[in-house]
Amino acid sequence: MGNIITIAIGLTMAFVSIKAAAPASFETVAAQIPPVKECRCEYPWQHAYAEYINDQICYSGLYIGDVNGDEIPEAVIDVNTLGSTIVLYYTESGMQVLNLETVSAWGSVTYIPSTGQFLYSPFYGHTTGTWGYEEYYLYDWTRTEYVQTFSMLRDSGYYWDEEHYEYGESCINGDPTDNESFEEKLREIEKLRDENSGSLPFWYLEEEAFENKVKELLPCFQMLNLD
């Protein structure tokens, strides 16, 4: 009889030891993991824009507003003071990106409010070793996307003095053209650029209210770390 009691006590102690060593239940483990923050964005375009901007490592400022008249705001990223610009817009297919990247220390991107167009010159102001070089593109909103609708390009020529110079080959919309016609169109495009320069009221990083302005429209926006 004594042996039976001893065995019973031993089994009971072993069971208690096994139970104590068992891993915590799933519910207990889950409770220890902090809950994932729910996105506070009301519309999908807000979250998509914020995610894209949050991934950027460098930019100077932002503008968020309806620049193409489709009643859905666009996010325009001023990448740097040299003119590089990224336009984020939202369609039935989701977020689309128009990347207008200028080259080195030259270039310009101009928004035309009256038409919703973007005028893009990747080498504007670049003259060293490129005499006579000109390059411009216009991007139009088609109600579904931004597409390039105009281009003009003149290759580099050479200039020795007023009697010895030659322009490079000129094209408008991909078709070769004479230099007189090119110059006429160039004056028109330059006027369009100059009249609309600075037309987007960018919010710049150094502004005190910058973060609040952006978060009002993109709740899950994260401020760029400037340290």
Protein backbone atom coordinates (compact mmCIF):
# COMPACT_ATOMS: atom_id res chain seq x y z
CA MET A 1 0.00 0.00 0.00
CA GLY A 2 2.82 2.38 0.88
CA ASN A 3 4.42 1.76 -2.51
CA ILE A 4 1.16 2.67 -4.33
CA ILE A 5 0.89 5.98 -2.43
CA THR A 6 4.54 6.80 -3.22
CA ILE A 7 3.98 6.14 -6.97
CA ALA A 8 0.81 8.29 -7.00
CA ILE A 9 2.60 11.22 -5.37
CA GLY A 10 5.47 10.91 -7.86
CA LEU A 11 3.11 10.95 -10.86
CA THR A 12 1.30 14.01 -9.50
CA MET A 13 4.57 15.95 -9.07
CA ALA A 14 5.72 14.99 -12.57
CA PHE A 15 2.44 16.25 -14.09
CA VAL A 16 2.77 19.57 -12.24
CA SER A 17 6.39 19.93 -13.49
CA ILE A 18 5.39 19.22 -17.12
CA LYS A 19 2.54 21.75 -16.94
CA ALA A 20 4.84 24.41 -15.53
CA ALA A 21 7.40 23.84 -18.30
CA ALA A 22 4.83 23.93 -21.12
CA PRO A 23 5.00 26.99 -23.42
CA ALA A 24 2.56 29.85 -22.94
CA SER A 25 -0.70 29.56 -24.83
CA PHE A 26 -1.16 31.29 -28.22
CA GLU A 27 -3.43 33.88 -26.62
CA THR A 28 -0.76 34.74 -24.05
CA VAL A 29 1.98 35.17 -26.70
CA ALA A 30 -0.30 37.24 -28.93
CA ALA A 31 -1.14 39.53 -26.04
CA GLN A 32 2.56 40.33 -25.59
CA ILE A 33 2.95 41.58 -29.22
CA PRO A 34 2.03 45.26 -29.59
CA PRO A 35 -0.92 45.73 -31.96
CA VAL A 36 -0.20 47.06 -35.47
CA LYS A 37 -1.31 50.66 -35.85
CA GLU A 38 -4.28 51.01 -38.16
CA CYS A 39 -3.79 53.39 -41.06
CA ARG A 40 -5.76 56.58 -40.47
CA CYS A 41 -6.04 57.42 -44.19
CA GLU A 42 -9.61 57.63 -45.39
CA TYR A 43 -8.81 57.20 -49.09
CA PRO A 44 -6.44 54.77 -50.86
CA TRP A 45 -4.64 57.60 -52.69
CA GLN A 46 -3.65 59.10 -49.33
CA HIS A 47 -1.99 55.91 -48.13
CA ALA A 48 -0.31 55.25 -51.51
CA TYR A 49 1.17 58.76 -51.68
CA ALA A 50 2.34 58.65 -48.06
CA GLU A 51 4.04 55.27 -48.53
CA TYR A 52 5.87 56.52 -51.63
CA ILE A 53 6.99 59.76 -49.97
CA ASN A 54 8.01 57.96 -46.78
CA ASP A 55 10.44 55.87 -48.85
CA GLN A 56 12.18 58.93 -50.30
CA ILE A 57 15.57 59.70 -48.80
CA CYS A 58 15.85 63.24 -50.11
CA TYR A 59 13.51 66.00 -51.29
CA SER A 60 13.09 69.73 -50.79
CA GLY A 61 9.35 70.16 -50.57
CA LEU A 62 5.87 68.92 -51.46
CA TYR A 63 2.64 70.19 -52.88
CA ILE A 64 -0.63 68.27 -52.55
CA GLY A 65 -3.61 69.47 -54.55
CA ASP A 66 -5.75 68.81 -57.61
CA VAL A 67 -3.37 69.91 -60.36
CA ASN A 68 -5.10 68.06 -63.22
CA GLY A 69 -8.75 68.77 -62.44
CA ASP A 70 -9.85 65.16 -61.85
CA GLU A 71 -11.05 65.93 -58.29
CA ILE A 72 -8.45 63.57 -56.80
CA PRO A 73 -5.45 65.42 -55.35
CA GLU A 74 -1.98 64.84 -56.75
CA ALA A 75 1.24 64.87 -54.75
CA VAL A 76 4.05 66.80 -56.44
CA ILE A 77 7.50 66.19 -54.97
CA ASP A 78 10.12 68.90 -55.42
CA VAL A 79 13.13 66.61 -55.36
CA ASN A 80 15.69 69.41 -55.35
CA THR A 81 16.16 73.06 -56.21
CA LEU A 82 17.63 72.09 -59.59
CA GLY A 83 14.21 71.22 -60.94
CA SER A 84 13.77 67.44 -60.61
CA THR A 85 10.10 66.76 -59.93
CA ILE A 86 7.96 63.67 -59.28
CA VAL A 87 4.20 63.79 -59.84
CA LEU A 88 2.09 61.17 -58.06
CA TYR A 89 -1.45 60.76 -59.35
CA TYR A 90 -4.18 58.19 -58.74
CA THR A 91 -6.34 56.36 -61.28
CA GLU A 92 -8.57 53.27 -61.33
CA SER A 93 -5.37 51.24 -61.70
CA GLY A 94 -3.87 52.72 -58.54
CA MET A 95 -1.05 55.20 -58.02
CA GLN A 96 0.91 56.33 -61.08
CA VAL A 97 4.29 58.10 -61.13
CA LEU A 98 5.52 60.77 -63.55
CA ASN A 99 9.24 61.18 -62.89
CA LEU A 100 10.71 64.32 -64.47
CA GLU A 101 14.39 64.05 -63.65
CA THR A 102 16.71 66.89 -64.56
CA VAL A 103 20.40 66.34 -65.22
CA SER A 104 23.20 67.30 -62.85
CA ALA A 105 23.12 71.04 -62.13
CA TRP A 106 20.75 71.92 -64.98
CA GLY A 107 17.11 71.48 -65.79
CA SER A 108 13.64 72.81 -65.06
CA VAL A 109 10.08 71.58 -64.58
CA THR A 110 7.22 74.05 -64.91
CA TYR A 111 3.54 73.48 -64.11
CA ILE A 112 1.04 75.26 -66.39
CA PRO A 113 -2.09 75.92 -64.25
CA SER A 114 -4.34 76.94 -67.16
CA THR A 115 -3.93 73.56 -68.89
CA GLY A 116 -2.68 71.22 -66.14
CA GLN A 117 0.41 70.51 -68.24
CA PHE A 118 3.99 70.00 -67.12
CA LEU A 119 6.78 71.52 -69.23
CA TYR A 120 10.03 69.61 -68.79
CA SER A 121 13.52 70.65 -69.87
CA PRO A 122 16.13 68.18 -68.55
CA PHE A 123 19.09 70.32 -69.68
CA TYR A 124 17.72 73.85 -69.36
CA GLY A 125 20.56 76.30 -68.76
CA HIS A 126 23.26 73.77 -69.72
CA THR A 127 25.63 75.56 -72.10
CA THR A 128 29.17 74.32 -71.42
CA GLY A 129 30.26 72.41 -74.51
CA THR A 130 26.71 72.30 -75.87
CA TRP A 131 26.29 75.49 -77.90
CA GLY A 132 22.77 75.84 -79.26
CA TYR A 133 21.48 72.75 -77.47
CA GLU A 134 17.76 72.89 -76.58
CA GLU A 135 15.38 70.20 -75.30
CA TYR A 136 11.75 70.52 -74.14
CA TYR A 137 8.82 68.18 -73.52
CA LEU A 138 5.17 68.82 -72.67
CA TYR A 139 3.09 66.34 -70.65
CA ASP A 140 -0.70 66.53 -70.87
CA TRP A 141 -3.41 65.05 -68.67
CA THR A 142 -5.67 62.80 -70.79
CA ARG A 143 -8.25 62.18 -68.01
CA THR A 144 -6.62 58.81 -67.38
CA GLU A 145 -2.87 59.50 -67.36
CA TYR A 146 -0.09 61.96 -68.10
CA VAL A 147 1.40 61.49 -71.57
CA GLN A 148 4.07 63.29 -73.55
CA THR A 149 2.33 65.29 -76.29
CA PHE A 150 5.12 67.56 -77.51
CA SER A 151 8.89 67.46 -77.90
CA MET A 152 11.56 69.64 -79.41
CA LEU A 153 15.27 68.94 -79.59
CA ARG A 154 18.25 70.68 -81.15
CA ASP A 155 21.59 68.91 -81.01
CA SER A 156 24.77 70.72 -80.01
CA GLY A 157 26.39 72.82 -82.73
CA TYR A 158 29.50 74.95 -82.62
CA TYR A 159 30.26 78.66 -82.32
CA TRP A 160 33.61 80.20 -83.16
CA ASP A 161 32.56 83.79 -83.79
CA GLU A 162 29.68 85.71 -85.42
CA GLU A 163 30.77 84.56 -88.87
CA HIS A 164 31.69 80.97 -88.02
CA TYR A 165 28.97 78.94 -86.31
CA GLU A 166 26.56 76.16 -87.10
CA TYR A 167 23.50 74.86 -85.26
CA GLY A 168 22.97 71.16 -84.70
CA GLU A 169 20.12 69.16 -86.22
CA SER A 170 16.69 70.37 -85.11
CA CYS A 171 13.51 68.31 -84.59
CA ILE A 172 9.99 69.12 -83.44
CA ASN A 173 7.90 66.12 -82.37
CA GLY A 174 10.56 63.89 -83.89
CA ASP A 175 10.39 65.50 -87.34
CA PRO A 176 13.43 67.37 -88.73
CA THR A 177 12.81 71.09 -89.09
CA ASP A 178 14.71 74.17 -90.23
CA ASN A 179 16.35 76.34 -87.62
CA GLU A 180 14.09 79.34 -88.25
CA SER A 181 10.96 77.31 -87.47
CA PHE A 182 12.69 75.80 -84.46
CA GLU A 183 13.64 79.24 -83.11
CA GLU A 184 10.06 80.46 -83.52
CA LYS A 185 8.69 77.53 -81.54
CA LEU A 186 11.48 77.88 -78.98
CA ARG A 187 10.46 81.49 -78.24
CA GLU A 188 6.89 80.31 -77.70
CA ILE A 189 7.94 77.55 -75.31
CA GLU A 190 10.34 79.78 -73.38
CA LYS A 191 7.58 82.34 -72.93
CA LEU A 192 5.30 79.61 -71.59
CA ARG A 193 8.01 78.54 -69.16
CA ASP A 194 8.81 82.06 -67.94
CA GLU A 195 5.15 83.08 -67.49
CA ASN A 196 4.42 80.03 -65.34
CA SER A 197 7.67 79.75 -63.40
CA GLY A 198 7.04 79.11 -59.70
CA SER A 199 3.34 78.39 -60.25
CA LEU A 200 3.23 75.52 -57.74
CA PRO A 201 3.23 76.82 -54.14
CA PHE A 202 5.48 74.11 -52.71
CA TRP A 203 5.60 73.55 -48.95
CA TYR A 204 9.26 73.36 -48.03
CA LEU A 205 10.84 71.21 -45.34
CA GLU A 206 12.22 74.17 -43.42
CA GLU A 207 8.74 75.64 -42.89
CA GLU A 208 7.54 75.30 -39.31
CA ALA A 209 4.08 74.08 -40.36
CA PHE A 210 5.36 71.65 -43.04
CA GLU A 211 4.63 68.39 -41.21
CA ASN A 212 1.16 69.45 -40.07
CA LYS A 213 0.22 70.60 -43.58
CA VAL A 214 1.19 67.25 -45.09
CA LYS A 215 -0.36 65.10 -42.35
CA GLU A 216 -3.63 66.92 -42.70
CA LEU A 217 -3.91 65.40 -46.19
CA LEU A 218 -1.75 62.29 -45.74
CA PRO A 219 -2.32 61.08 -42.16
CA CYS A 220 0.29 58.29 -42.31
CA PHE A 221 3.04 60.57 -43.67
CA GLN A 222 6.35 60.32 -41.83
CA MET A 223 8.60 63.36 -41.58
CA LEU A 224 11.91 63.06 -43.39
CA ASN A 225 14.80 62.64 -40.95
CA LEU A 226 17.08 65.62 -41.57
CA ASP A 227 19.74 64.58 -39.02
